[in-house]
Amino acid sequence: MDNPSAMKALFIIANAGFGDSVVDIARTCGARGATIINARGTANASMKKSLLGIGYDPEKEIIITLVTDDVASKIMEALPEQAGVNTPANGLCFSMPVNHTTTINKLYLNTEI
């Protein structure tokens, strides 16, 4: 699919244990699904106490979802109140434009495994 303005990849970083809640928020806004990846932050000791005045927990979950631009806007509007930095999830979100998508099956259609 080639349409630079149609899709966004949202990357949501939240404290461990909040991934399912974040996916529920995204689904409520129109996302069809997401991938949750376990992660660990690497901030130094002084940053672990406070990162820009926000408490820091090194155990994280990264939620990635591919959505249309309008759904991305809805999700980014809902997240701060429900799972943002002033909540136990301590989440933050950023988006990146998606210029092209394809499926893995299409790539391996004629390949023997």
Protein backbone atom coordinates (compact mmCIF):
# COMPACT_ATOMS: atom_id res chain seq x y z
CA MET A 1 0.00 0.00 0.00
CA ASP A 2 1.51 3.31 -1.04
CA ASN A 3 -0.09 6.38 0.53
CA PRO A 4 2.25 8.45 2.73
CA SER A 5 -0.45 10.31 4.60
CA ALA A 6 -2.83 7.41 5.22
CA MET A 7 -1.04 5.38 7.92
CA LYS A 8 0.91 6.05 11.11
CA ALA A 9 2.95 3.72 13.30
CA LEU A 10 2.33 4.57 16.96
CA PHE A 11 4.96 3.64 19.51
CA ILE A 12 3.66 3.79 23.07
CA ILE A 13 6.08 3.23 25.93
CA ALA A 14 4.47 2.42 29.28
CA ASN A 15 5.44 0.88 32.60
CA ALA A 16 5.42 -2.91 32.63
CA GLY A 17 1.99 -4.38 33.24
CA PHE A 18 0.06 -1.65 31.44
CA GLY A 19 0.38 -2.91 27.87
CA ASP A 20 -3.02 -4.57 27.78
CA SER A 21 -4.67 -1.42 29.15
CA VAL A 22 -2.98 0.68 26.48
CA VAL A 23 -4.11 -1.74 23.77
CA ASP A 24 -7.68 -1.50 25.13
CA ILE A 25 -7.49 2.31 24.84
CA ALA A 26 -6.18 2.00 21.26
CA ARG A 27 -8.94 -0.46 20.32
CA THR A 28 -11.60 1.84 21.78
CA CYS A 29 -10.24 4.56 19.48
CA GLY A 30 -10.37 2.31 16.41
CA ALA A 31 -7.13 0.31 16.32
CA ARG A 32 -7.61 -3.30 15.23
CA GLY A 33 -4.69 -4.68 17.22
CA ALA A 34 -1.19 -4.05 18.49
CA THR A 35 2.07 -5.73 19.43
CA ILE A 36 3.41 -5.56 22.99
CA ILE A 37 7.16 -5.89 23.46
CA ASN A 38 8.81 -6.23 26.88
CA ALA A 39 11.63 -3.72 27.33
CA ARG A 40 13.96 -2.23 29.91
CA GLY A 41 15.01 1.41 30.02
CA THR A 42 18.69 2.28 30.38
CA ALA A 43 18.62 5.68 32.10
CA ASN A 44 21.47 6.34 34.51
CA ALA A 45 20.97 6.26 38.29
CA SER A 46 20.17 9.97 38.66
CA MET A 47 17.57 9.81 35.90
CA LYS A 48 15.92 6.73 37.42
CA LYS A 49 14.75 8.88 40.33
CA SER A 50 13.24 11.56 38.13
CA LEU A 51 13.20 12.07 34.40
CA LEU A 52 12.06 15.63 33.75
CA GLY A 53 10.17 15.55 37.04
CA ILE A 54 8.49 12.25 36.16
CA GLY A 55 9.15 9.07 38.18
CA TYR A 56 11.14 6.49 36.21
CA ASP A 57 10.71 2.69 36.26
CA PRO A 58 13.15 0.77 34.05
CA GLU A 59 10.77 -2.13 33.25
CA LYS A 60 8.67 -1.08 30.26
CA GLU A 61 6.34 -2.36 27.60
CA ILE A 62 6.43 -0.96 24.08
CA ILE A 63 3.11 -1.09 22.29
CA ILE A 64 3.25 -0.74 18.51
CA THR A 65 0.16 -0.29 16.38
CA LEU A 66 -0.33 0.62 12.73
CA VAL A 67 -3.39 2.81 12.23
CA THR A 68 -4.90 5.40 9.93
CA ASP A 69 -4.04 9.03 10.57
CA ASP A 70 -7.45 9.83 12.09
CA VAL A 71 -7.30 6.84 14.47
CA ALA A 72 -3.75 7.85 15.47
CA SER A 73 -5.04 11.29 16.41
CA LYS A 74 -7.82 9.78 18.54
CA ILE A 75 -5.39 7.48 20.34
CA MET A 76 -2.88 10.26 20.99
CA GLU A 77 -5.68 12.42 22.35
CA ALA A 78 -6.98 9.67 24.70
CA LEU A 79 -3.63 8.42 26.04
CA PRO A 80 -2.46 11.35 28.19
CA GLU A 81 -5.49 11.24 30.48
CA GLN A 82 -5.87 7.46 30.61
CA ALA A 83 -2.26 6.22 30.47
CA GLY A 84 -0.02 9.31 30.33
CA VAL A 85 2.85 10.50 32.49
CA ASN A 86 0.53 11.53 35.32
CA THR A 87 -0.94 8.02 35.63
CA PRO A 88 0.54 4.77 36.99
CA ALA A 89 1.20 3.66 33.37
CA ASN A 90 3.56 6.65 32.97
CA GLY A 91 3.16 6.30 29.21
CA LEU A 92 4.36 8.37 26.34
CA CYS A 93 3.57 8.05 22.67
CA PHE A 94 5.14 9.10 19.41
CA SER A 95 4.13 8.47 15.83
CA MET A 96 5.98 7.92 12.59
CA PRO A 97 4.57 8.13 9.09
CA VAL A 98 4.27 4.87 7.18
CA ASN A 99 5.11 5.25 3.50
CA HIS A 100 4.76 1.65 2.38
CA THR A 101 3.42 -1.62 3.76
CA THR A 102 3.52 -5.22 2.57
CA THR A 103 2.93 -8.64 4.08
CA ILE A 104 5.52 -11.23 5.05
CA ASN A 105 3.54 -13.98 3.32
CA LYS A 106 3.81 -12.10 0.04
CA LEU A 107 7.60 -11.97 0.38
CA TYR A 108 7.93 -15.71 1.04
CA LEU A 109 5.19 -16.95 -1.28
CA ASN A 110 7.62 -18.68 -3.66
CA THR A 111 10.30 -19.62 -1.11
CA GLU A 112 10.82 -23.12 0.25
CA ILE A 113 11.21 -23.30 4.00
